[in-house]
Amino acid sequence: MDKNIGEQLNKAYEAYRQACMDRDHAVKELQQKTESYMQQIREQQEKIELQNSIIAKLKSQLAALNANR
């Protein structure tokens, strides 16, 4: 095999290998961010549910106070 062709093949393989590593890293980073965002969404939904529950209780108390007037 010609030395120049061998060098070109090595460079091409190294570029391919690096591209695969970069892709794998990007996929892993995307998965981690997705998991983090999903966790944040779950936490926010729990807060919303709690606040809705508090609002419902306060409305009930307010209605009871208004009924007694």
PDB file of N, CA and C in Angstrom:
ATOM      1  N   MET A   1       0.844  -1.173   0.000  1.00  0.00           N
ATOM      2  CA  MET A   1       0.000   0.000   0.000  1.00  0.00           C
ATOM      3  C   MET A   1       0.886   1.231   0.000  1.00  0.00           C
ATOM      4  N   ASP A   2       0.505   2.175  -0.781  1.00  0.00           N
ATOM      5  CA  ASP A   2       1.234   3.434  -0.868  1.00  0.00           C
ATOM      6  C   ASP A   2       1.183   4.146   0.491  1.00  0.00           C
ATOM      7  N   LYS A   3       2.318   4.711   0.914  1.00  0.00           N
ATOM      8  CA  LYS A   3       2.408   5.360   2.216  1.00  0.00           C
ATOM      9  C   LYS A   3       1.395   6.496   2.340  1.00  0.00           C
ATOM     10  N   ASN A   4       1.236   7.266   1.282  1.00  0.00           N
ATOM     11  CA  ASN A   4       0.314   8.399   1.292  1.00  0.00           C
ATOM     12  C   ASN A   4      -1.135   7.935   1.481  1.00  0.00           C
ATOM     13  N   ILE A   5      -1.500   6.848   0.814  1.00  0.00           N
ATOM     14  CA  ILE A   5      -2.856   6.308   0.943  1.00  0.00           C
ATOM     15  C   ILE A   5      -3.077   5.803   2.373  1.00  0.00           C
ATOM     16  N   GLY A   6      -2.072   5.155   2.935  1.00  0.00           N
ATOM     17  CA  GLY A   6      -2.165   4.670   4.310  1.00  0.00           C
ATOM     18  C   GLY A   6      -2.362   5.820   5.291  1.00  0.00           C
ATOM     19  N   GLU A   7      -1.636   6.909   5.081  1.00  0.00           N
ATOM     20  CA  GLU A   7      -1.790   8.080   5.952  1.00  0.00           C
ATOM     21  C   GLU A   7      -3.180   8.685   5.816  1.00  0.00           C
ATOM     22  N   GLN A   8      -3.657   8.736   4.582  1.00  0.00           N
ATOM     23  CA  GLN A   8      -4.999   9.281   4.349  1.00  0.00           C
ATOM     24  C   GLN A   8      -6.066   8.412   5.021  1.00  0.00           C
ATOM     25  N   LEU A   9      -5.891   7.095   4.916  1.00  0.00           N
ATOM     26  CA  LEU A   9      -6.836   6.189   5.566  1.00  0.00           C
ATOM     27  C   LEU A   9      -6.799   6.358   7.084  1.00  0.00           C
ATOM     28  N   ASN A  10      -5.604   6.485   7.633  1.00  0.00           N
ATOM     29  CA  ASN A  10      -5.473   6.688   9.078  1.00  0.00           C
ATOM     30  C   ASN A  10      -6.143   7.990   9.515  1.00  0.00           C
ATOM     31  N   LYS A  11      -5.938   9.057   8.744  1.00  0.00           N
ATOM     32  CA  LYS A  11      -6.552  10.343   9.065  1.00  0.00           C
ATOM     33  C   LYS A  11      -8.071  10.252   8.961  1.00  0.00           C
ATOM     34  N   ALA A  12      -8.546   9.571   7.921  1.00  0.00           N
ATOM     35  CA  ALA A  12      -9.991   9.423   7.735  1.00  0.00           C
ATOM     36  C   ALA A  12     -10.589   8.612   8.878  1.00  0.00           C
ATOM     37  N   TYR A  13      -9.914   7.537   9.249  1.00  0.00           N
ATOM     38  CA  TYR A  13     -10.408   6.712  10.352  1.00  0.00           C
ATOM     39  C   TYR A  13     -10.416   7.506  11.646  1.00  0.00           C
ATOM     40  N   GLU A  14      -9.363   8.268  11.898  1.00  0.00           N
ATOM     41  CA  GLU A  14      -9.285   9.067  13.121  1.00  0.00           C
ATOM     42  C   GLU A  14     -10.390  10.124  13.139  1.00  0.00           C
ATOM     43  N   ALA A  15     -10.665  10.738  12.003  1.00  0.00           N
ATOM     44  CA  ALA A  15     -11.743  11.729  11.928  1.00  0.00           C
ATOM     45  C   ALA A  15     -13.094  11.061  12.193  1.00  0.00           C
ATOM     46  N   TYR A  16     -13.296   9.876  11.628  1.00  0.00           N
ATOM     47  CA  TYR A  16     -14.537   9.122  11.844  1.00  0.00           C
ATOM     48  C   TYR A  16     -14.684   8.743  13.317  1.00  0.00           C
ATOM     49  N   ARG A  17     -13.605   8.272  13.896  1.00  0.00           N
ATOM     50  CA  ARG A  17     -13.608   7.875  15.302  1.00  0.00           C
ATOM     51  C   ARG A  17     -13.938   9.065  16.200  1.00  0.00           C
ATOM     52  N   GLN A  18     -13.337  10.205  15.906  1.00  0.00           N
ATOM     53  CA  GLN A  18     -13.599  11.414  16.692  1.00  0.00           C
ATOM     54  C   GLN A  18     -15.054  11.860  16.528  1.00  0.00           C
ATOM     55  N   ALA A  19     -15.564  11.779  15.311  1.00  0.00           N
ATOM     56  CA  ALA A  19     -16.961  12.155  15.061  1.00  0.00           C
ATOM     57  C   ALA A  19     -17.907  11.247  15.843  1.00  0.00           C
ATOM     58  N   CYS A  20     -17.598   9.966  15.899  1.00  0.00           N
ATOM     59  CA  CYS A  20     -18.425   9.022  16.666  1.00  0.00           C
ATOM     60  C   CYS A  20     -18.372   9.337  18.158  1.00  0.00           C
ATOM     61  N   MET A  21     -17.205   9.663  18.652  1.00  0.00           N
ATOM     62  CA  MET A  21     -17.062  10.013  20.066  1.00  0.00           C
ATOM     63  C   MET A  21     -17.835  11.297  20.371  1.00  0.00           C
ATOM     64  N   ASP A  22     -17.731  12.276  19.472  1.00  0.00           N
ATOM     65  CA  ASP A  22     -18.465  13.532  19.657  1.00  0.00           C
ATOM     66  C   ASP A  22     -19.972  13.281  19.657  1.00  0.00           C
ATOM     67  N   ARG A  23     -20.428  12.427  18.741  1.00  0.00           N
ATOM     68  CA  ARG A  23     -21.851  12.089  18.663  1.00  0.00           C
ATOM     69  C   ARG A  23     -22.305  11.410  19.948  1.00  0.00           C
ATOM     70  N   ASP A  24     -21.534  10.431  20.413  1.00  0.00           N
ATOM     71  CA  ASP A  24     -21.893   9.703  21.627  1.00  0.00           C
ATOM     72  C   ASP A  24     -21.960  10.644  22.830  1.00  0.00           C
ATOM     73  N   HIS A  25     -21.021  11.572  22.891  1.00  0.00           N
ATOM     74  CA  HIS A  25     -21.011  12.547  23.983  1.00  0.00           C
ATOM     75  C   HIS A  25     -22.245  13.446  23.903  1.00  0.00           C
ATOM     76  N   ALA A  26     -22.584  13.891  22.699  1.00  0.00           N
ATOM     77  CA  ALA A  26     -23.758  14.752  22.518  1.00  0.00           C
ATOM     78  C   ALA A  26     -25.042  14.016  22.887  1.00  0.00           C
ATOM     79  N   VAL A  27     -25.140  12.750  22.516  1.00  0.00           N
ATOM     80  CA  VAL A  27     -26.324  11.949  22.848  1.00  0.00           C
ATOM     81  C   VAL A  27     -26.442  11.797  24.365  1.00  0.00           C
ATOM     82  N   LYS A  28     -25.333  11.503  25.025  1.00  0.00           N
ATOM     83  CA  LYS A  28     -25.344  11.339  26.481  1.00  0.00           C
ATOM     84  C   LYS A  28     -25.734  12.649  27.167  1.00  0.00           C
ATOM     85  N   GLU A  29     -25.179  13.750  26.686  1.00  0.00           N
ATOM     86  CA  GLU A  29     -25.497  15.054  27.260  1.00  0.00           C
ATOM     87  C   GLU A  29     -26.980  15.387  27.064  1.00  0.00           C
ATOM     88  N   LEU A  30     -27.508  15.089  25.891  1.00  0.00           N
ATOM     89  CA  LEU A  30     -28.923  15.326  25.612  1.00  0.00           C
ATOM     90  C   LEU A  30     -29.808  14.481  26.525  1.00  0.00           C
ATOM     91  N   GLN A  31     -29.436  13.228  26.733  1.00  0.00           N
ATOM     92  CA  GLN A  31     -30.210  12.355  27.622  1.00  0.00           C
ATOM     93  C   GLN A  31     -30.206  12.895  29.051  1.00  0.00           C
ATOM     94  N   GLN A  32     -29.043  13.360  29.506  1.00  0.00           N
ATOM     95  CA  GLN A  32     -28.946  13.893  30.861  1.00  0.00           C
ATOM     96  C   GLN A  32     -29.801  15.148  31.017  1.00  0.00           C
ATOM     97  N   LYS A  33     -29.752  16.030  30.019  1.00  0.00           N
ATOM     98  CA  LYS A  33     -30.556  17.250  30.079  1.00  0.00           C
ATOM     99  C   LYS A  33     -32.040  16.914  30.036  1.00  0.00           C
ATOM    100  N   THR A  34     -32.405  15.955  29.204  1.00  0.00           N
ATOM    101  CA  THR A  34     -33.810  15.552  29.110  1.00  0.00           C
ATOM    102  C   THR A  34     -34.299  15.015  30.446  1.00  0.00           C
ATOM    103  N   GLU A  35     -33.504  14.160  31.082  1.00  0.00           N
ATOM    104  CA  GLU A  35     -33.875  13.615  32.393  1.00  0.00           C
ATOM    105  C   GLU A  35     -34.002  14.727  33.431  1.00  0.00           C
ATOM    106  N   SER A  36     -33.077  15.675  33.393  1.00  0.00           N
ATOM    107  CA  SER A  36     -33.110  16.791  34.332  1.00  0.00           C
ATOM    108  C   SER A  36     -34.364  17.637  34.120  1.00  0.00           C
ATOM    109  N   TYR A  37     -34.678  17.942  32.868  1.00  0.00           N
ATOM    110  CA  TYR A  37     -35.865  18.743  32.572  1.00  0.00           C
ATOM    111  C   TYR A  37     -37.141  18.003  32.960  1.00  0.00           C
ATOM    112  N   MET A  38     -37.168  16.704  32.729  1.00  0.00           N
ATOM    113  CA  MET A  38     -38.349  15.921  33.102  1.00  0.00           C
ATOM    114  C   MET A  38     -38.537  15.934  34.621  1.00  0.00           C
ATOM    115  N   GLN A  39     -37.449  15.842  35.359  1.00  0.00           N
ATOM    116  CA  GLN A  39     -37.519  15.904  36.823  1.00  0.00           C
ATOM    117  C   GLN A  39     -38.026  17.274  37.265  1.00  0.00           C
ATOM    118  N   GLN A  40     -37.526  18.329  36.642  1.00  0.00           N
ATOM    119  CA  GLN A  40     -37.983  19.674  36.982  1.00  0.00           C
ATOM    120  C   GLN A  40     -39.472  19.832  36.685  1.00  0.00           C
ATOM    121  N   ILE A  41     -39.923  19.274  35.578  1.00  0.00           N
ATOM    122  CA  ILE A  41     -41.345  19.336  35.220  1.00  0.00           C
ATOM    123  C   ILE A  41     -42.183  18.611  36.272  1.00  0.00           C
ATOM    124  N   ARG A  42     -41.729  17.421  36.682  1.00  0.00           N
ATOM    125  CA  ARG A  42     -42.461  16.675  37.713  1.00  0.00           C
ATOM    126  C   ARG A  42     -42.553  17.482  39.013  1.00  0.00           C
ATOM    127  N   GLU A  43     -41.441  18.104  39.395  1.00  0.00           N
ATOM    128  CA  GLU A  43     -41.431  18.901  40.621  1.00  0.00           C
ATOM    129  C   GLU A  43     -42.377  20.091  40.509  1.00  0.00           C
ATOM    130  N   GLN A  44     -42.373  20.752  39.358  1.00  0.00           N
ATOM    131  CA  GLN A  44     -43.266  21.891  39.161  1.00  0.00           C
ATOM    132  C   GLN A  44     -44.730  21.450  39.168  1.00  0.00           C
ATOM    133  N   GLN A  45     -45.007  20.294  38.579  1.00  0.00           N
ATOM    134  CA  GLN A  45     -46.383  19.780  38.588  1.00  0.00           C
ATOM    135  C   GLN A  45     -46.843  19.484  40.013  1.00  0.00           C
ATOM    136  N   GLU A  46     -45.947  18.940  40.829  1.00  0.00           N
ATOM    137  CA  GLU A  46     -46.285  18.679  42.231  1.00  0.00           C
ATOM    138  C   GLU A  46     -46.578  19.982  42.965  1.00  0.00           C
ATOM    139  N   LYS A  47     -45.768  21.015  42.698  1.00  0.00           N
ATOM    140  CA  LYS A  47     -45.998  22.318  43.330  1.00  0.00           C
ATOM    141  C   LYS A  47     -47.343  22.893  42.894  1.00  0.00           C
ATOM    142  N   ILE A  48     -47.657  22.767  41.626  1.00  0.00           N
ATOM    143  CA  ILE A  48     -48.934  23.269  41.113  1.00  0.00           C
ATOM    144  C   ILE A  48     -50.095  22.544  41.777  1.00  0.00           C
ATOM    145  N   GLU A  49     -49.991  21.230  41.892  1.00  0.00           N
ATOM    146  CA  GLU A  49     -51.054  20.456  42.546  1.00  0.00           C
ATOM    147  C   GLU A  49     -51.230  20.883  43.997  1.00  0.00           C
ATOM    148  N   LEU A  50     -50.130  21.092  44.698  1.00  0.00           N
ATOM    149  CA  LEU A  50     -50.199  21.537  46.090  1.00  0.00           C
ATOM    150  C   LEU A  50     -50.849  22.914  46.180  1.00  0.00           C
ATOM    151  N   GLN A  51     -50.435  23.824  45.315  1.00  0.00           N
ATOM    152  CA  GLN A  51     -51.004  25.170  45.331  1.00  0.00           C
ATOM    153  C   GLN A  51     -52.486  25.149  44.966  1.00  0.00           C
ATOM    154  N   ASN A  52     -52.870  24.314  44.018  1.00  0.00           N
ATOM    155  CA  ASN A  52     -54.288  24.190  43.667  1.00  0.00           C
ATOM    156  C   ASN A  52     -55.094  23.665  44.849  1.00  0.00           C
ATOM    157  N   SER A  53     -54.513  22.738  45.588  1.00  0.00           N
ATOM    158  CA  SER A  53     -55.174  22.204  46.779  1.00  0.00           C
ATOM    159  C   SER A  53     -55.346  23.300  47.830  1.00  0.00           C
ATOM    160  N   ILE A  54     -54.308  24.083  48.029  1.00  0.00           N
ATOM    161  CA  ILE A  54     -54.375  25.189  48.995  1.00  0.00           C
ATOM    162  C   ILE A  54     -55.428  26.204  48.560  1.00  0.00           C
ATOM    163  N   ILE A  55     -55.452  26.533  47.290  1.00  0.00           N
ATOM    164  CA  ILE A  55     -56.437  27.482  46.760  1.00  0.00           C
ATOM    165  C   ILE A  55     -57.853  26.965  46.987  1.00  0.00           C
ATOM    166  N   ALA A  56     -58.063  25.690  46.719  1.00  0.00           N
ATOM    167  CA  ALA A  56     -59.396  25.104  46.912  1.00  0.00           C
ATOM    168  C   ALA A  56     -59.814  25.188  48.381  1.00  0.00           C
ATOM    169  N   LYS A  57     -58.891  24.898  49.306  1.00  0.00           N
ATOM    170  CA  LYS A  57     -59.205  24.981  50.736  1.00  0.00           C
ATOM    171  C   LYS A  57     -59.520  26.417  51.145  1.00  0.00           C
ATOM    172  N   LEU A  58     -58.728  27.362  50.637  1.00  0.00           N
ATOM    173  CA  LEU A  58     -58.959  28.768  50.974  1.00  0.00           C
ATOM    174  C   LEU A  58     -60.296  29.251  50.422  1.00  0.00           C
ATOM    175  N   LYS A  59     -60.638  28.826  49.218  1.00  0.00           N
ATOM    176  CA  LYS A  59     -61.934  29.199  48.641  1.00  0.00           C
ATOM    177  C   LYS A  59     -63.068  28.639  49.483  1.00  0.00           C
ATOM    178  N   SER A  60     -62.896  27.412  49.940  1.00  0.00           N
ATOM    179  CA  SER A  60     -63.910  26.778  50.782  1.00  0.00           C
ATOM    180  C   SER A  60     -64.068  27.542  52.093  1.00  0.00           C
ATOM    181  N   GLN A  61     -62.956  27.921  52.688  1.00  0.00           N
ATOM    182  CA  GLN A  61     -63.001  28.683  53.936  1.00  0.00           C
ATOM    183  C   GLN A  61     -63.645  30.048  53.717  1.00  0.00           C
ATOM    184  N   LEU A  62     -63.307  30.693  52.625  1.00  0.00           N
ATOM    185  CA  LEU A  62     -63.875  31.999  52.303  1.00  0.00           C
ATOM    186  C   LEU A  62     -65.378  31.890  52.076  1.00  0.00           C
ATOM    187  N   ALA A  63     -65.791  30.857  51.371  1.00  0.00           N
ATOM    188  CA  ALA A  63     -67.222  30.649  51.133  1.00  0.00           C
ATOM    189  C   ALA A  63     -67.950  30.419  52.455  1.00  0.00           C
ATOM    190  N   ALA A  64     -67.343  29.680  53.364  1.00  0.00           N
ATOM    191  CA  ALA A  64     -67.956  29.427  54.669  1.00  0.00           C
ATOM    192  C   ALA A  64     -68.071  30.719  55.469  1.00  0.00           C
ATOM    193  N   LEU A  65     -67.038  31.555  55.417  1.00  0.00           N
ATOM    194  CA  LEU A  65     -67.083  32.841  56.121  1.00  0.00           C
ATOM    195  C   LEU A  65     -68.163  33.739  55.543  1.00  0.00           C
ATOM    196  N   ASN A  66     -68.253  33.774  54.229  1.00  0.00           N
ATOM    197  CA  ASN A  66     -69.257  34.613  53.575  1.00  0.00           C
ATOM    198  C   ASN A  66     -70.667  34.108  53.859  1.00  0.00           C
ATOM    199  N   ALA A  67     -70.825  32.824  54.019  1.00  0.00           N
ATOM    200  CA  ALA A  67     -72.143  32.249  54.298  1.00  0.00           C
ATOM    201  C   ALA A  67     -72.599  32.597  55.713  1.00  0.00           C
ATOM    202  N   ASN A  68     -71.651  32.794  56.616  1.00  0.00           N
ATOM    203  CA  ASN A  68     -71.983  33.117  58.007  1.00  0.00           C
ATOM    204  C   ASN A  68     -72.300  34.594  58.205  1.00  0.00           C
ATOM    205  N   ARG A  69     -72.096  35.420  57.234  1.00  0.00           N
ATOM    206  CA  ARG A  69     -72.341  36.867  57.381  1.00  0.00           C
ATOM    207  C   ARG A  69     -73.759  37.229  57.163  1.00  0.00           C
TER     208      ARG A  69
END
